[in-house]
Amino acid sequence: MSRVKCAAASIAACATIMAVGASAAAAKTVTLHFFSKQVYMRISDASGHPLSPNAAPAVGDRLSFASNDYAGNHKRHAKQATASDHIVCTLTSASSALCDGTIAIGGSLILGDDFVLDFTSNAATAVKITGGTGVYRHAHGTVIAKSVGNNSDLTIKVSS
């Protein structure tokens, strides 16, 4: 599993989830598009100790990613981020991880729990929106994250 692919997939999923929140309050069902730009990545062992850059992650190790999310896509997007996201994953095999993602928008959160990232696939990652807080307390829908290098393009379909 490459760190770049892992970071891109995780960030994409988080950014996608956050993007959903921006319009969920305005309409019953909304489709949003965001460019998720990675700003943080950490890989640690099961005890929380950071791995050295050359160490290969093992089952039980944890991956953590954060990104700033911009309305649009990687080719054309807003200059200012309007959301941010964070994803935490636990490696379940050499090629996959079980993850949770949170998107912060204003004083509210959008959540995507227990989704699997497959590091061997170039396919887009689909994340089920499982809820949230504040205006997104009853949010549900899907986030599709397509890797673009270390970043992602997100398509979010959210209902509240």
N, C-alpha and C. Protein backbone atom coordinates (compact mmCIF):
# COMPACT_ATOMS: atom_id res chain seq x y z
N MET A 1 0.86 -1.17 0.00
CA MET A 1 0.00 0.00 0.00
C MET A 1 0.90 1.23 0.00
N SER A 2 0.67 2.15 -0.90
CA SER A 2 1.47 3.36 -0.91
C SER A 2 0.85 4.39 0.02
N ARG A 3 1.68 5.16 0.67
CA ARG A 3 1.20 6.21 1.58
C ARG A 3 0.42 7.25 0.80
N VAL A 4 0.84 7.54 -0.42
CA VAL A 4 0.16 8.54 -1.23
C VAL A 4 -1.26 8.10 -1.55
N LYS A 5 -1.44 6.86 -2.00
CA LYS A 5 -2.76 6.38 -2.35
C LYS A 5 -3.65 6.32 -1.12
N CYS A 6 -3.08 5.90 0.00
CA CYS A 6 -3.83 5.82 1.24
C CYS A 6 -4.28 7.21 1.65
N ALA A 7 -3.39 8.17 1.59
CA ALA A 7 -3.73 9.54 1.97
C ALA A 7 -4.78 10.10 1.04
N ALA A 8 -4.62 9.90 -0.24
CA ALA A 8 -5.57 10.44 -1.21
C ALA A 8 -6.96 9.86 -1.00
N ALA A 9 -7.05 8.57 -0.79
CA ALA A 9 -8.36 7.94 -0.61
C ALA A 9 -9.01 8.42 0.67
N SER A 10 -8.25 8.50 1.74
CA SER A 10 -8.81 8.93 3.01
C SER A 10 -9.25 10.38 2.95
N ILE A 11 -8.42 11.20 2.42
CA ILE A 11 -8.76 12.61 2.35
C ILE A 11 -9.97 12.82 1.46
N ALA A 12 -10.00 12.10 0.37
CA ALA A 12 -11.14 12.24 -0.53
C ALA A 12 -12.43 11.89 0.19
N ALA A 13 -12.41 10.83 0.90
CA ALA A 13 -13.62 10.42 1.61
C ALA A 13 -14.04 11.47 2.61
N CYS A 14 -13.12 11.99 3.39
CA CYS A 14 -13.45 13.01 4.39
C CYS A 14 -13.94 14.28 3.74
N ALA A 15 -13.22 14.73 2.76
CA ALA A 15 -13.61 15.97 2.11
C ALA A 15 -14.99 15.86 1.52
N THR A 16 -15.26 14.71 0.99
CA THR A 16 -16.57 14.48 0.40
C THR A 16 -17.64 14.58 1.46
N ILE A 17 -17.42 13.96 2.58
CA ILE A 17 -18.41 13.99 3.64
C ILE A 17 -18.65 15.41 4.10
N MET A 18 -17.61 16.21 4.24
CA MET A 18 -17.74 17.59 4.70
C MET A 18 -18.51 18.41 3.69
N ALA A 19 -18.24 18.21 2.46
CA ALA A 19 -18.88 18.98 1.42
C ALA A 19 -20.38 18.81 1.45
N VAL A 20 -20.82 17.65 1.83
CA VAL A 20 -22.24 17.38 1.88
C VAL A 20 -22.93 18.34 2.83
N GLY A 21 -22.29 18.67 3.90
CA GLY A 21 -22.89 19.53 4.90
C GLY A 21 -23.19 20.92 4.40
N ALA A 22 -22.43 21.45 3.50
CA ALA A 22 -22.60 22.82 3.06
C ALA A 22 -23.97 23.12 2.51
N SER A 23 -24.59 22.18 1.83
CA SER A 23 -25.91 22.45 1.27
C SER A 23 -27.03 21.62 1.85
N ALA A 24 -26.73 20.75 2.78
CA ALA A 24 -27.76 19.87 3.29
C ALA A 24 -28.89 20.64 3.94
N ALA A 25 -28.58 21.74 4.59
CA ALA A 25 -29.61 22.51 5.28
C ALA A 25 -30.51 23.25 4.30
N ALA A 26 -30.04 23.54 3.10
CA ALA A 26 -30.79 24.36 2.15
C ALA A 26 -31.80 23.57 1.32
N ALA A 27 -31.63 22.27 1.16
CA ALA A 27 -32.51 21.50 0.30
C ALA A 27 -32.70 20.09 0.86
N LYS A 28 -33.75 19.42 0.41
CA LYS A 28 -34.03 18.05 0.86
C LYS A 28 -32.92 17.10 0.38
N THR A 29 -32.62 17.10 -0.91
CA THR A 29 -31.52 16.31 -1.45
C THR A 29 -30.66 17.23 -2.30
N VAL A 30 -29.36 17.20 -2.06
CA VAL A 30 -28.43 18.11 -2.72
C VAL A 30 -27.23 17.32 -3.24
N THR A 31 -26.70 17.72 -4.41
CA THR A 31 -25.45 17.17 -4.93
C THR A 31 -24.41 18.27 -4.90
N LEU A 32 -23.28 17.99 -4.25
CA LEU A 32 -22.19 18.96 -4.11
C LEU A 32 -20.92 18.41 -4.74
N HIS A 33 -20.06 19.34 -5.18
CA HIS A 33 -18.77 18.96 -5.75
C HIS A 33 -17.68 19.74 -5.04
N PHE A 34 -16.65 19.02 -4.55
CA PHE A 34 -15.55 19.65 -3.84
C PHE A 34 -14.21 19.09 -4.29
N PHE A 35 -13.19 19.95 -4.17
CA PHE A 35 -11.81 19.53 -4.33
C PHE A 35 -11.24 19.46 -2.92
N SER A 36 -10.77 18.29 -2.54
CA SER A 36 -10.24 18.05 -1.21
C SER A 36 -8.71 18.04 -1.27
N LYS A 37 -8.11 19.02 -0.59
CA LYS A 37 -6.65 19.16 -0.63
C LYS A 37 -6.04 18.73 0.71
N GLN A 38 -5.24 17.68 0.66
CA GLN A 38 -4.64 17.13 1.86
C GLN A 38 -3.68 18.13 2.49
N VAL A 39 -3.79 18.29 3.83
CA VAL A 39 -2.89 19.17 4.56
C VAL A 39 -2.17 18.46 5.70
N TYR A 40 -2.56 17.20 5.99
CA TYR A 40 -1.98 16.47 7.12
C TYR A 40 -2.09 14.97 6.87
N MET A 41 -1.04 14.25 7.26
CA MET A 41 -1.07 12.78 7.20
C MET A 41 -0.15 12.23 8.28
N ARG A 42 -0.62 11.21 8.98
CA ARG A 42 0.19 10.57 10.02
C ARG A 42 -0.11 9.07 9.99
N ILE A 43 0.94 8.27 10.12
CA ILE A 43 0.80 6.82 10.27
C ILE A 43 1.45 6.46 11.59
N SER A 44 0.71 5.75 12.44
CA SER A 44 1.25 5.36 13.74
C SER A 44 0.97 3.89 14.00
N ASP A 45 1.73 3.32 14.93
CA ASP A 45 1.50 1.93 15.29
C ASP A 45 0.26 1.85 16.19
N ALA A 46 -0.11 0.64 16.57
CA ALA A 46 -1.32 0.44 17.36
C ALA A 46 -1.24 1.15 18.72
N SER A 47 -0.04 1.47 19.19
CA SER A 47 0.14 2.17 20.47
C SER A 47 0.13 3.68 20.31
N GLY A 48 0.04 4.15 19.06
CA GLY A 48 0.02 5.59 18.81
C GLY A 48 1.36 6.22 18.53
N HIS A 49 2.42 5.44 18.45
CA HIS A 49 3.75 5.97 18.15
C HIS A 49 3.90 6.14 16.64
N PRO A 50 4.33 7.31 16.19
CA PRO A 50 4.49 7.53 14.73
C PRO A 50 5.48 6.54 14.11
N LEU A 51 5.17 6.09 12.90
CA LEU A 51 6.09 5.23 12.16
C LEU A 51 7.10 6.10 11.43
N SER A 52 8.30 5.58 11.26
CA SER A 52 9.30 6.32 10.49
C SER A 52 8.86 6.33 9.03
N PRO A 53 9.32 7.32 8.25
CA PRO A 53 8.89 7.44 6.86
C PRO A 53 9.15 6.20 6.00
N ASN A 54 10.16 5.40 6.34
CA ASN A 54 10.50 4.23 5.54
C ASN A 54 9.86 2.94 6.05
N ALA A 55 9.15 3.01 7.18
CA ALA A 55 8.55 1.81 7.76
C ALA A 55 7.28 1.44 7.00
N ALA A 56 7.09 0.15 6.80
CA ALA A 56 5.87 -0.34 6.15
C ALA A 56 4.78 -0.51 7.20
N PRO A 57 3.60 0.03 6.96
CA PRO A 57 2.49 -0.15 7.92
C PRO A 57 2.11 -1.62 8.04
N ALA A 58 1.61 -2.00 9.23
CA ALA A 58 1.20 -3.38 9.50
C ALA A 58 -0.25 -3.39 9.97
N VAL A 59 -0.88 -4.54 9.95
CA VAL A 59 -2.25 -4.69 10.43
C VAL A 59 -2.31 -4.15 11.86
N GLY A 60 -3.33 -3.33 12.13
CA GLY A 60 -3.49 -2.71 13.44
C GLY A 60 -2.94 -1.30 13.51
N ASP A 61 -2.07 -0.91 12.57
CA ASP A 61 -1.55 0.45 12.54
C ASP A 61 -2.67 1.41 12.16
N ARG A 62 -2.49 2.69 12.52
CA ARG A 62 -3.54 3.69 12.29
C ARG A 62 -3.05 4.76 11.32
N LEU A 63 -3.95 5.18 10.45
CA LEU A 63 -3.69 6.24 9.48
C LEU A 63 -4.62 7.40 9.81
N SER A 64 -4.09 8.61 9.75
CA SER A 64 -4.90 9.79 10.03
C SER A 64 -4.62 10.83 8.96
N PHE A 65 -5.70 11.39 8.38
CA PHE A 65 -5.57 12.36 7.29
C PHE A 65 -6.51 13.53 7.55
N ALA A 66 -6.09 14.71 7.12
CA ALA A 66 -6.96 15.88 7.19
C ALA A 66 -6.79 16.68 5.91
N SER A 67 -7.86 17.39 5.53
CA SER A 67 -7.80 18.19 4.30
C SER A 67 -8.68 19.42 4.42
N ASN A 68 -8.38 20.37 3.57
CA ASN A 68 -9.24 21.54 3.37
C ASN A 68 -10.03 21.29 2.10
N ASP A 69 -11.31 21.67 2.12
CA ASP A 69 -12.21 21.38 1.01
C ASP A 69 -12.68 22.65 0.33
N TYR A 70 -12.56 22.68 -1.00
CA TYR A 70 -12.88 23.84 -1.82
C TYR A 70 -14.02 23.49 -2.78
N ALA A 71 -15.01 24.35 -2.87
CA ALA A 71 -16.11 24.12 -3.81
C ALA A 71 -15.54 24.01 -5.23
N GLY A 72 -15.96 22.98 -5.98
CA GLY A 72 -15.49 22.76 -7.35
C GLY A 72 -14.81 21.42 -7.48
N ASN A 73 -13.79 21.37 -8.34
CA ASN A 73 -13.02 20.15 -8.54
C ASN A 73 -11.55 20.51 -8.72
N HIS A 74 -10.69 19.51 -8.97
CA HIS A 74 -9.26 19.79 -9.05
C HIS A 74 -8.89 20.72 -10.21
N LYS A 75 -9.70 20.79 -11.23
CA LYS A 75 -9.41 21.66 -12.37
C LYS A 75 -9.89 23.09 -12.15
N ARG A 76 -10.99 23.22 -11.43
CA ARG A 76 -11.55 24.56 -11.20
C ARG A 76 -12.27 24.55 -9.84
N HIS A 77 -11.75 25.34 -8.92
CA HIS A 77 -12.33 25.37 -7.58
C HIS A 77 -12.16 26.74 -6.94
N ALA A 78 -12.91 26.95 -5.86
CA ALA A 78 -12.86 28.20 -5.12
C ALA A 78 -11.46 28.43 -4.55
N LYS A 79 -11.12 29.70 -4.31
CA LYS A 79 -9.81 30.03 -3.75
C LYS A 79 -9.76 29.81 -2.25
N GLN A 80 -10.92 29.89 -1.60
CA GLN A 80 -11.00 29.72 -0.15
C GLN A 80 -11.70 28.40 0.20
N ALA A 81 -11.14 27.67 1.15
CA ALA A 81 -11.79 26.45 1.64
C ALA A 81 -13.03 26.84 2.43
N THR A 82 -14.09 26.06 2.29
CA THR A 82 -15.33 26.32 3.02
C THR A 82 -15.66 25.20 4.00
N ALA A 83 -14.82 24.17 4.05
CA ALA A 83 -15.03 23.05 4.96
C ALA A 83 -13.68 22.39 5.21
N SER A 84 -13.66 21.50 6.19
CA SER A 84 -12.46 20.70 6.44
C SER A 84 -12.91 19.31 6.87
N ASP A 85 -11.98 18.35 6.77
CA ASP A 85 -12.35 16.99 7.14
C ASP A 85 -11.19 16.27 7.78
N HIS A 86 -11.53 15.17 8.43
CA HIS A 86 -10.54 14.33 9.09
C HIS A 86 -10.99 12.88 8.97
N ILE A 87 -10.05 12.00 8.63
CA ILE A 87 -10.34 10.57 8.51
C ILE A 87 -9.31 9.80 9.34
N VAL A 88 -9.79 8.82 10.06
CA VAL A 88 -8.93 7.93 10.84
C VAL A 88 -9.24 6.50 10.41
N CYS A 89 -8.19 5.74 10.11
CA CYS A 89 -8.35 4.36 9.64
C CYS A 89 -7.46 3.42 10.45
N THR A 90 -7.91 2.18 10.58
CA THR A 90 -7.11 1.11 11.17
C THR A 90 -6.90 0.07 10.08
N LEU A 91 -5.63 -0.27 9.82
CA LEU A 91 -5.34 -1.27 8.80
C LEU A 91 -5.88 -2.63 9.22
N THR A 92 -6.64 -3.25 8.34
CA THR A 92 -7.20 -4.57 8.60
C THR A 92 -6.47 -5.66 7.80
N SER A 93 -5.71 -5.24 6.80
CA SER A 93 -4.87 -6.14 6.00
C SER A 93 -3.82 -5.26 5.32
N ALA A 94 -2.96 -5.88 4.53
CA ALA A 94 -1.94 -5.11 3.83
C ALA A 94 -2.55 -4.22 2.75
N SER A 95 -3.81 -4.49 2.38
CA SER A 95 -4.41 -3.74 1.27
C SER A 95 -5.70 -3.01 1.62
N SER A 96 -6.13 -3.05 2.88
CA SER A 96 -7.39 -2.35 3.22
C SER A 96 -7.39 -1.86 4.65
N ALA A 97 -8.32 -0.93 4.92
CA ALA A 97 -8.45 -0.35 6.26
C ALA A 97 -9.92 -0.04 6.54
N LEU A 98 -10.28 -0.06 7.81
CA LEU A 98 -11.62 0.32 8.26
C LEU A 98 -11.51 1.75 8.79
N CYS A 99 -12.38 2.64 8.30
CA CYS A 99 -12.22 4.07 8.55
C CYS A 99 -13.49 4.74 9.08
N ASP A 100 -13.28 5.89 9.72
CA ASP A 100 -14.33 6.81 10.14
C ASP A 100 -13.93 8.19 9.67
N GLY A 101 -14.91 8.97 9.18
CA GLY A 101 -14.61 10.31 8.70
C GLY A 101 -15.56 11.34 9.29
N THR A 102 -15.04 12.56 9.48
CA THR A 102 -15.81 13.67 10.01
C THR A 102 -15.55 14.90 9.15
N ILE A 103 -16.63 15.60 8.83
CA ILE A 103 -16.51 16.86 8.10
C ILE A 103 -17.09 17.96 8.97
N ALA A 104 -16.33 19.04 9.16
CA ALA A 104 -16.79 20.16 9.98
C ALA A 104 -17.20 21.31 9.07
N ILE A 105 -18.42 21.77 9.27
CA ILE A 105 -18.94 22.91 8.51
C ILE A 105 -19.65 23.81 9.52
N GLY A 106 -19.10 25.00 9.71
CA GLY A 106 -19.68 25.88 10.72
C GLY A 106 -19.62 25.19 12.07
N GLY A 107 -20.73 25.16 12.78
CA GLY A 107 -20.78 24.49 14.07
C GLY A 107 -21.37 23.10 13.99
N SER A 108 -21.42 22.50 12.81
CA SER A 108 -22.04 21.19 12.61
C SER A 108 -21.04 20.19 12.03
N LEU A 109 -21.35 18.89 12.21
CA LEU A 109 -20.50 17.83 11.69
C LEU A 109 -21.31 16.87 10.82
N ILE A 110 -20.65 16.31 9.82
CA ILE A 110 -21.20 15.22 9.01
C ILE A 110 -20.30 14.01 9.24
N LEU A 111 -20.92 12.86 9.45
CA LEU A 111 -20.17 11.66 9.81
C LEU A 111 -20.32 10.54 8.78
N GLY A 112 -19.24 9.82 8.57
CA GLY A 112 -19.25 8.60 7.78
C GLY A 112 -18.49 7.55 8.57
N ASP A 113 -19.20 6.56 9.10
CA ASP A 113 -18.59 5.56 9.98
C ASP A 113 -18.42 4.22 9.29
N ASP A 114 -17.37 3.53 9.67
CA ASP A 114 -17.14 2.14 9.29
C ASP A 114 -17.14 1.89 7.79
N PHE A 115 -16.37 2.69 7.04
CA PHE A 115 -16.23 2.42 5.61
C PHE A 115 -14.85 1.82 5.34
N VAL A 116 -14.77 1.02 4.30
CA VAL A 116 -13.54 0.31 3.96
C VAL A 116 -12.83 1.01 2.82
N LEU A 117 -11.52 1.24 3.00
CA LEU A 117 -10.67 1.73 1.92
C LEU A 117 -9.87 0.56 1.37
N ASP A 118 -9.89 0.41 0.06
CA ASP A 118 -9.14 -0.65 -0.63
C ASP A 118 -7.98 0.01 -1.35
N PHE A 119 -6.77 -0.19 -0.85
CA PHE A 119 -5.60 0.48 -1.40
C PHE A 119 -5.11 -0.14 -2.70
N THR A 120 -5.66 -1.27 -3.11
CA THR A 120 -5.23 -1.91 -4.35
C THR A 120 -6.09 -1.48 -5.53
N SER A 121 -7.15 -0.75 -5.28
CA SER A 121 -8.08 -0.37 -6.34
C SER A 121 -7.91 1.10 -6.73
N ASN A 122 -8.03 1.36 -8.02
CA ASN A 122 -8.03 2.74 -8.52
C ASN A 122 -9.45 3.29 -8.63
N ALA A 123 -10.42 2.48 -8.27
CA ALA A 123 -11.82 2.90 -8.35
C ALA A 123 -12.11 3.97 -7.30
N ALA A 124 -13.15 4.74 -7.55
CA ALA A 124 -13.58 5.75 -6.59
C ALA A 124 -14.03 5.07 -5.30
N THR A 125 -13.89 5.78 -4.20
CA THR A 125 -14.32 5.28 -2.89
C THR A 125 -15.71 5.82 -2.59
N ALA A 126 -16.64 4.94 -2.23
CA ALA A 126 -17.99 5.35 -1.85
C ALA A 126 -18.11 5.28 -0.33
N VAL A 127 -18.61 6.36 0.26
CA VAL A 127 -18.77 6.44 1.71
C VAL A 127 -20.22 6.75 2.02
N LYS A 128 -20.82 5.94 2.88
CA LYS A 128 -22.20 6.19 3.31
C LYS A 128 -22.19 7.22 4.42
N ILE A 129 -23.00 8.26 4.28
CA ILE A 129 -23.15 9.26 5.34
C ILE A 129 -24.05 8.63 6.40
N THR A 130 -23.54 8.57 7.64
CA THR A 130 -24.27 7.88 8.70
C THR A 130 -24.92 8.80 9.71
N GLY A 131 -24.74 10.11 9.57
CA GLY A 131 -25.37 11.04 10.49
C GLY A 131 -24.55 12.30 10.65
N GLY A 132 -24.79 12.99 11.75
CA GLY A 132 -24.06 14.21 12.01
C GLY A 132 -24.57 14.91 13.25
N THR A 133 -24.17 16.17 13.41
CA THR A 133 -24.61 16.99 14.53
C THR A 133 -25.12 18.32 14.00
N GLY A 134 -25.81 19.06 14.85
CA GLY A 134 -26.32 20.37 14.45
C GLY A 134 -27.28 20.24 13.28
N VAL A 135 -27.10 21.06 12.25
CA VAL A 135 -28.01 21.03 11.11
C VAL A 135 -27.93 19.73 10.32
N TYR A 136 -26.92 18.92 10.56
CA TYR A 136 -26.76 17.64 9.85
C TYR A 136 -27.09 16.44 10.73
N ARG A 137 -27.81 16.67 11.82
CA ARG A 137 -28.11 15.62 12.77
C ARG A 137 -28.78 14.40 12.12
N HIS A 138 -29.61 14.62 11.12
CA HIS A 138 -30.32 13.50 10.46
C HIS A 138 -29.84 13.28 9.03
N ALA A 139 -28.65 13.76 8.71
CA ALA A 139 -28.14 13.64 7.35
C ALA A 139 -27.88 12.18 6.96
N HIS A 140 -28.14 11.88 5.68
CA HIS A 140 -27.78 10.59 5.10
C HIS A 140 -27.52 10.81 3.62
N GLY A 141 -26.85 9.87 3.02
CA GLY A 141 -26.51 9.99 1.61
C GLY A 141 -25.21 9.27 1.31
N THR A 142 -24.53 9.71 0.26
CA THR A 142 -23.31 9.05 -0.19
C THR A 142 -22.28 10.08 -0.64
N VAL A 143 -21.04 9.79 -0.36
CA VAL A 143 -19.91 10.59 -0.83
C VAL A 143 -19.08 9.70 -1.76
N ILE A 144 -18.78 10.21 -2.94
CA ILE A 144 -17.91 9.49 -3.88
C ILE A 144 -16.61 10.29 -3.99
N ALA A 145 -15.50 9.65 -3.68
CA ALA A 145 -14.19 10.31 -3.72
C ALA A 145 -13.33 9.66 -4.81
N LYS A 146 -12.85 10.52 -5.73
CA LYS A 146 -11.95 10.06 -6.79
C LYS A 146 -10.59 10.67 -6.55
N SER A 147 -9.57 9.83 -6.42
CA SER A 147 -8.22 10.30 -6.15
C SER A 147 -7.66 11.11 -7.31
N VAL A 148 -7.00 12.21 -6.95
CA VAL A 148 -6.27 13.05 -7.89
C VAL A 148 -4.92 13.31 -7.22
N GLY A 149 -3.95 12.44 -7.45
CA GLY A 149 -2.68 12.53 -6.74
C GLY A 149 -2.91 12.30 -5.25
N ASN A 150 -2.39 13.21 -4.40
CA ASN A 150 -2.60 13.12 -2.96
C ASN A 150 -3.93 13.73 -2.54
N ASN A 151 -4.68 14.25 -3.48
CA ASN A 151 -5.93 14.95 -3.21
C ASN A 151 -7.10 14.18 -3.82
N SER A 152 -8.31 14.79 -3.76
CA SER A 152 -9.47 14.09 -4.28
C SER A 152 -10.52 15.05 -4.82
N ASP A 153 -11.29 14.57 -5.79
CA ASP A 153 -12.51 15.24 -6.23
C ASP A 153 -13.66 14.49 -5.56
N LEU A 154 -14.58 15.24 -4.97
CA LEU A 154 -15.69 14.64 -4.23
C LEU A 154 -17.02 15.00 -4.86
N THR A 155 -17.88 14.02 -4.93
CA THR A 155 -19.28 14.22 -5.33
C THR A 155 -20.12 13.73 -4.18
N ILE A 156 -20.91 14.63 -3.61
CA ILE A 156 -21.70 14.30 -2.42
C ILE A 156 -23.17 14.43 -2.72
N LYS A 157 -23.90 13.39 -2.42
CA LYS A 157 -25.37 13.43 -2.50
C LYS A 157 -25.88 13.25 -1.09
N VAL A 158 -26.51 14.33 -0.57
CA VAL A 158 -26.93 14.30 0.83
C VAL A 158 -28.39 14.70 0.97
N SER A 159 -29.08 14.03 1.87
CA SER A 159 -30.46 14.35 2.22
C SER A 159 -30.50 14.57 3.72
N SER A 160 -31.43 15.43 4.12
CA SER A 160 -31.56 15.68 5.56
C SER A 160 -33.03 15.59 5.97
